[in-house]
Amino acid sequence: MAKVNVTTRDGTRITLDGHNGVSVMETIRSANIDELLALCGGNMSCATCHVYVDAVDFGKLNPMSPDEADLLDATGIRRETSRLSCQILLSLTLDELSVTIAPEP
Protein backbone atom coordinates (compact mmCIF):
# COMPACT_ATOMS: atom_id res chain seq x y z
CA MET A 1 0.00 0.00 0.00
CA ALA A 2 1.22 3.49 -0.83
CA LYS A 3 0.00 6.82 0.50
CA VAL A 4 -0.78 9.63 -1.93
CA ASN A 5 -0.92 13.25 -0.78
CA VAL A 6 -3.36 15.17 -2.94
CA THR A 7 -3.75 18.94 -2.95
CA THR A 8 -7.04 20.07 -4.42
CA ARG A 9 -7.55 23.25 -6.40
CA ASP A 10 -8.62 25.15 -3.27
CA GLY A 11 -5.44 24.12 -1.45
CA THR A 12 -6.93 21.37 0.72
CA ARG A 13 -4.46 18.55 1.32
CA ILE A 14 -5.83 15.02 1.60
CA THR A 15 -3.83 11.85 2.25
CA LEU A 16 -5.19 8.77 0.52
CA ASP A 17 -4.36 5.09 0.85
CA GLY A 18 -3.52 3.66 -2.55
CA HIS A 19 -2.83 0.14 -3.71
CA ASN A 20 0.21 -1.02 -5.63
CA GLY A 21 -0.47 -1.25 -9.34
CA VAL A 22 -3.46 1.12 -9.19
CA SER A 23 -3.18 4.50 -10.88
CA VAL A 24 -3.13 7.78 -9.01
CA MET A 25 -6.20 8.75 -11.06
CA GLU A 26 -8.17 5.73 -9.84
CA THR A 27 -7.06 6.39 -6.26
CA ILE A 28 -8.25 10.01 -6.40
CA ARG A 29 -11.53 9.10 -8.09
CA SER A 30 -12.19 6.33 -5.55
CA ALA A 31 -11.92 8.98 -2.83
CA ASN A 32 -14.74 10.94 -4.53
CA ILE A 33 -12.56 13.93 -5.31
CA ASP A 34 -14.65 14.98 -8.28
CA GLU A 35 -12.55 17.90 -9.50
CA LEU A 36 -10.30 15.35 -11.19
CA LEU A 37 -12.64 14.64 -14.10
CA ALA A 38 -10.79 11.77 -15.80
CA LEU A 39 -13.39 11.78 -18.57
CA CYS A 40 -11.71 9.09 -20.65
CA GLY A 41 -11.43 6.72 -17.69
CA GLY A 42 -7.68 6.35 -17.94
CA ASN A 43 -7.39 5.73 -21.66
CA MET A 44 -4.95 8.64 -22.09
CA SER A 45 -7.11 10.51 -24.56
CA CYS A 46 -8.33 13.63 -22.75
CA ALA A 47 -5.81 15.02 -20.17
CA THR A 48 -8.59 15.74 -17.64
CA CYS A 49 -6.60 13.85 -14.99
CA HIS A 50 -3.68 16.30 -15.23
CA VAL A 51 -1.72 16.76 -12.01
CA TYR A 52 1.43 18.56 -10.95
CA VAL A 53 3.79 16.17 -9.20
CA ASP A 54 5.89 17.48 -6.33
CA ALA A 55 9.39 18.19 -7.66
CA VAL A 56 10.97 15.89 -5.05
CA ASP A 57 8.83 12.98 -6.29
CA PHE A 58 8.97 13.68 -10.01
CA GLY A 59 12.27 11.87 -10.55
CA LYS A 60 10.82 8.67 -9.08
CA LEU A 61 8.27 8.34 -11.90
CA ASN A 62 8.68 6.27 -15.02
CA PRO A 63 9.37 8.40 -18.10
CA MET A 64 6.30 9.69 -19.91
CA SER A 65 5.38 8.48 -23.36
CA PRO A 66 5.30 10.79 -26.38
CA ASP A 67 1.49 10.51 -26.40
CA GLU A 68 1.27 11.69 -22.80
CA ALA A 69 3.63 14.58 -23.56
CA ASP A 70 1.47 15.61 -26.54
CA LEU A 71 -1.71 15.61 -24.44
CA LEU A 72 -0.05 17.68 -21.73
CA ASP A 73 1.27 20.16 -24.31
CA ALA A 74 -2.28 20.62 -25.61
CA THR A 75 -3.59 21.69 -22.17
CA GLY A 76 -1.88 25.07 -22.29
CA ILE A 77 -1.13 24.79 -18.54
CA ARG A 78 1.69 22.28 -18.62
CA ARG A 79 4.49 22.66 -16.11
CA GLU A 80 7.83 20.89 -15.82
CA THR A 81 6.31 18.42 -13.33
CA SER A 82 3.02 17.82 -15.16
CA ARG A 83 1.79 14.27 -15.58
CA LEU A 84 -1.45 12.49 -16.36
CA SER A 85 -2.45 10.75 -13.15
CA CYS A 86 -3.81 7.80 -15.13
CA GLN A 87 -0.23 7.04 -16.18
CA ILE A 88 1.23 6.95 -12.66
CA LEU A 89 0.94 3.49 -11.13
CA LEU A 90 1.43 3.32 -7.39
CA SER A 91 4.17 1.25 -5.83
CA LEU A 92 6.13 1.23 -2.60
CA THR A 93 8.72 3.38 -4.38
CA LEU A 94 6.08 6.09 -4.68
CA ASP A 95 4.87 5.93 -1.08
CA GLU A 96 3.99 9.46 0.08
CA LEU A 97 3.81 10.75 -3.50
CA SER A 98 2.49 14.33 -3.52
CA VAL A 99 0.40 15.72 -6.38
CA THR A 100 -1.68 18.84 -6.97
CA ILE A 101 -4.73 18.70 -9.21
CA ALA A 102 -4.12 21.03 -12.14
CA PRO A 103 -6.62 23.78 -12.91
CA GLU A 104 -9.08 23.25 -15.73
CA PRO A 105 -7.59 24.56 -18.97
C-alpha atoms as a PDB file:
ATOM      1  CA  MET A   1       0.000   0.000   0.000  1.00  0.00           C
ATOM      2  CA  ALA A   2       1.221   3.493  -0.826  1.00  0.00           C
ATOM      3  CA  LYS A   3       0.005   6.819   0.497  1.00  0.00           C
ATOM      4  CA  VAL A   4      -0.782   9.633  -1.930  1.00  0.00           C
ATOM      5  CA  ASN A   5      -0.917  13.249  -0.778  1.00  0.00           C
ATOM      6  CA  VAL A   6      -3.362  15.165  -2.945  1.00  0.00           C
ATOM      7  CA  THR A   7      -3.746  18.936  -2.946  1.00  0.00           C
ATOM      8  CA  THR A   8      -7.042  20.072  -4.416  1.00  0.00           C
ATOM      9  CA  ARG A   9      -7.550  23.251  -6.399  1.00  0.00           C
ATOM     10  CA  ASP A  10      -8.616  25.153  -3.275  1.00  0.00           C
ATOM     11  CA  GLY A  11      -5.435  24.116  -1.447  1.00  0.00           C
ATOM     12  CA  THR A  12      -6.934  21.373   0.716  1.00  0.00           C
ATOM     13  CA  ARG A  13      -4.459  18.546   1.318  1.00  0.00           C
ATOM     14  CA  ILE A  14      -5.831  15.017   1.600  1.00  0.00           C
ATOM     15  CA  THR A  15      -3.827  11.851   2.247  1.00  0.00           C
ATOM     16  CA  LEU A  16      -5.185   8.767   0.518  1.00  0.00           C
ATOM     17  CA  ASP A  17      -4.363   5.091   0.847  1.00  0.00           C
ATOM     18  CA  GLY A  18      -3.522   3.660  -2.554  1.00  0.00           C
ATOM     19  CA  HIS A  19      -2.830   0.143  -3.712  1.00  0.00           C
ATOM     20  CA  ASN A  20       0.211  -1.023  -5.634  1.00  0.00           C
ATOM     21  CA  GLY A  21      -0.469  -1.249  -9.344  1.00  0.00           C
ATOM     22  CA  VAL A  22      -3.461   1.116  -9.193  1.00  0.00           C
ATOM     23  CA  SER A  23      -3.178   4.502 -10.879  1.00  0.00           C
ATOM     24  CA  VAL A  24      -3.127   7.780  -9.013  1.00  0.00           C
ATOM     25  CA  MET A  25      -6.195   8.749 -11.057  1.00  0.00           C
ATOM     26  CA  GLU A  26      -8.166   5.730  -9.835  1.00  0.00           C
ATOM     27  CA  THR A  27      -7.059   6.392  -6.262  1.00  0.00           C
ATOM     28  CA  ILE A  28      -8.245  10.009  -6.399  1.00  0.00           C
ATOM     29  CA  ARG A  29     -11.529   9.103  -8.091  1.00  0.00           C
ATOM     30  CA  SER A  30     -12.192   6.334  -5.550  1.00  0.00           C
ATOM     31  CA  ALA A  31     -11.919   8.982  -2.830  1.00  0.00           C
ATOM     32  CA  ASN A  32     -14.743  10.938  -4.525  1.00  0.00           C
ATOM     33  CA  ILE A  33     -12.564  13.931  -5.314  1.00  0.00           C
ATOM     34  CA  ASP A  34     -14.655  14.981  -8.280  1.00  0.00           C
ATOM     35  CA  GLU A  35     -12.548  17.905  -9.504  1.00  0.00           C
ATOM     36  CA  LEU A  36     -10.296  15.348 -11.194  1.00  0.00           C
ATOM     37  CA  LEU A  37     -12.638  14.636 -14.103  1.00  0.00           C
ATOM     38  CA  ALA A  38     -10.787  11.770 -15.801  1.00  0.00           C
ATOM     39  CA  LEU A  39     -13.386  11.781 -18.566  1.00  0.00           C
ATOM     40  CA  CYS A  40     -11.707   9.089 -20.649  1.00  0.00           C
ATOM     41  CA  GLY A  41     -11.426   6.722 -17.689  1.00  0.00           C
ATOM     42  CA  GLY A  42      -7.679   6.347 -17.936  1.00  0.00           C
ATOM     43  CA  ASN A  43      -7.389   5.729 -21.664  1.00  0.00           C
ATOM     44  CA  MET A  44      -4.953   8.640 -22.090  1.00  0.00           C
ATOM     45  CA  SER A  45      -7.111  10.509 -24.556  1.00  0.00           C
ATOM     46  CA  CYS A  46      -8.331  13.629 -22.746  1.00  0.00           C
ATOM     47  CA  ALA A  47      -5.814  15.020 -20.169  1.00  0.00           C
ATOM     48  CA  THR A  48      -8.593  15.741 -17.642  1.00  0.00           C
ATOM     49  CA  CYS A  49      -6.601  13.851 -14.994  1.00  0.00           C
ATOM     50  CA  HIS A  50      -3.679  16.301 -15.235  1.00  0.00           C
ATOM     51  CA  VAL A  51      -1.716  16.765 -12.010  1.00  0.00           C
ATOM     52  CA  TYR A  52       1.426  18.556 -10.953  1.00  0.00           C
ATOM     53  CA  VAL A  53       3.787  16.166  -9.197  1.00  0.00           C
ATOM     54  CA  ASP A  54       5.887  17.484  -6.334  1.00  0.00           C
ATOM     55  CA  ALA A  55       9.394  18.191  -7.665  1.00  0.00           C
ATOM     56  CA  VAL A  56      10.968  15.887  -5.054  1.00  0.00           C
ATOM     57  CA  ASP A  57       8.834  12.975  -6.292  1.00  0.00           C
ATOM     58  CA  PHE A  58       8.969  13.681 -10.013  1.00  0.00           C
ATOM     59  CA  GLY A  59      12.267  11.870 -10.555  1.00  0.00           C
ATOM     60  CA  LYS A  60      10.817   8.672  -9.081  1.00  0.00           C
ATOM     61  CA  LEU A  61       8.271   8.338 -11.896  1.00  0.00           C
ATOM     62  CA  ASN A  62       8.675   6.271 -15.023  1.00  0.00           C
ATOM     63  CA  PRO A  63       9.366   8.398 -18.101  1.00  0.00           C
ATOM     64  CA  MET A  64       6.297   9.686 -19.908  1.00  0.00           C
ATOM     65  CA  SER A  65       5.382   8.480 -23.357  1.00  0.00           C
ATOM     66  CA  PRO A  66       5.301  10.792 -26.381  1.00  0.00           C
ATOM     67  CA  ASP A  67       1.488  10.514 -26.397  1.00  0.00           C
ATOM     68  CA  GLU A  68       1.269  11.691 -22.796  1.00  0.00           C
ATOM     69  CA  ALA A  69       3.628  14.580 -23.562  1.00  0.00           C
ATOM     70  CA  ASP A  70       1.469  15.607 -26.541  1.00  0.00           C
ATOM     71  CA  LEU A  71      -1.712  15.613 -24.445  1.00  0.00           C
ATOM     72  CA  LEU A  72      -0.053  17.682 -21.732  1.00  0.00           C
ATOM     73  CA  ASP A  73       1.266  20.157 -24.309  1.00  0.00           C
ATOM     74  CA  ALA A  74      -2.279  20.622 -25.607  1.00  0.00           C
ATOM     75  CA  THR A  75      -3.587  21.690 -22.175  1.00  0.00           C
ATOM     76  CA  GLY A  76      -1.878  25.070 -22.290  1.00  0.00           C
ATOM     77  CA  ILE A  77      -1.133  24.787 -18.544  1.00  0.00           C
ATOM     78  CA  ARG A  78       1.686  22.276 -18.620  1.00  0.00           C
ATOM     79  CA  ARG A  79       4.494  22.655 -16.110  1.00  0.00           C
ATOM     80  CA  GLU A  80       7.828  20.892 -15.817  1.00  0.00           C
ATOM     81  CA  THR A  81       6.314  18.416 -13.333  1.00  0.00           C
ATOM     82  CA  SER A  82       3.018  17.815 -15.163  1.00  0.00           C
ATOM     83  CA  ARG A  83       1.786  14.266 -15.579  1.00  0.00           C
ATOM     84  CA  LEU A  84      -1.450  12.485 -16.358  1.00  0.00           C
ATOM     85  CA  SER A  85      -2.454  10.754 -13.153  1.00  0.00           C
ATOM     86  CA  CYS A  86      -3.809   7.797 -15.134  1.00  0.00           C
ATOM     87  CA  GLN A  87      -0.227   7.040 -16.176  1.00  0.00           C
ATOM     88  CA  ILE A  88       1.234   6.947 -12.659  1.00  0.00           C
ATOM     89  CA  LEU A  89       0.940   3.492 -11.129  1.00  0.00           C
ATOM     90  CA  LEU A  90       1.432   3.321  -7.392  1.00  0.00           C
ATOM     91  CA  SER A  91       4.171   1.245  -5.830  1.00  0.00           C
ATOM     92  CA  LEU A  92       6.129   1.231  -2.599  1.00  0.00           C
ATOM     93  CA  THR A  93       8.723   3.377  -4.383  1.00  0.00           C
ATOM     94  CA  LEU A  94       6.076   6.086  -4.675  1.00  0.00           C
ATOM     95  CA  ASP A  95       4.867   5.931  -1.077  1.00  0.00           C
ATOM     96  CA  GLU A  96       3.994   9.460   0.085  1.00  0.00           C
ATOM     97  CA  LEU A  97       3.807  10.750  -3.501  1.00  0.00           C
ATOM     98  CA  SER A  98       2.490  14.327  -3.524  1.00  0.00           C
ATOM     99  CA  VAL A  99       0.397  15.721  -6.382  1.00  0.00           C
ATOM    100  CA  THR A 100      -1.682  18.838  -6.973  1.00  0.00           C
ATOM    101  CA  ILE A 101      -4.735  18.704  -9.211  1.00  0.00           C
ATOM    102  CA  ALA A 102      -4.120  21.035 -12.142  1.00  0.00           C
ATOM    103  CA  PRO A 103      -6.625  23.783 -12.912  1.00  0.00           C
ATOM    104  CA  GLU A 104      -9.079  23.247 -15.728  1.00  0.00           C
ATOM    105  CA  PRO A 105      -7.594  24.562 -18.965  1.00  0.00           C
END
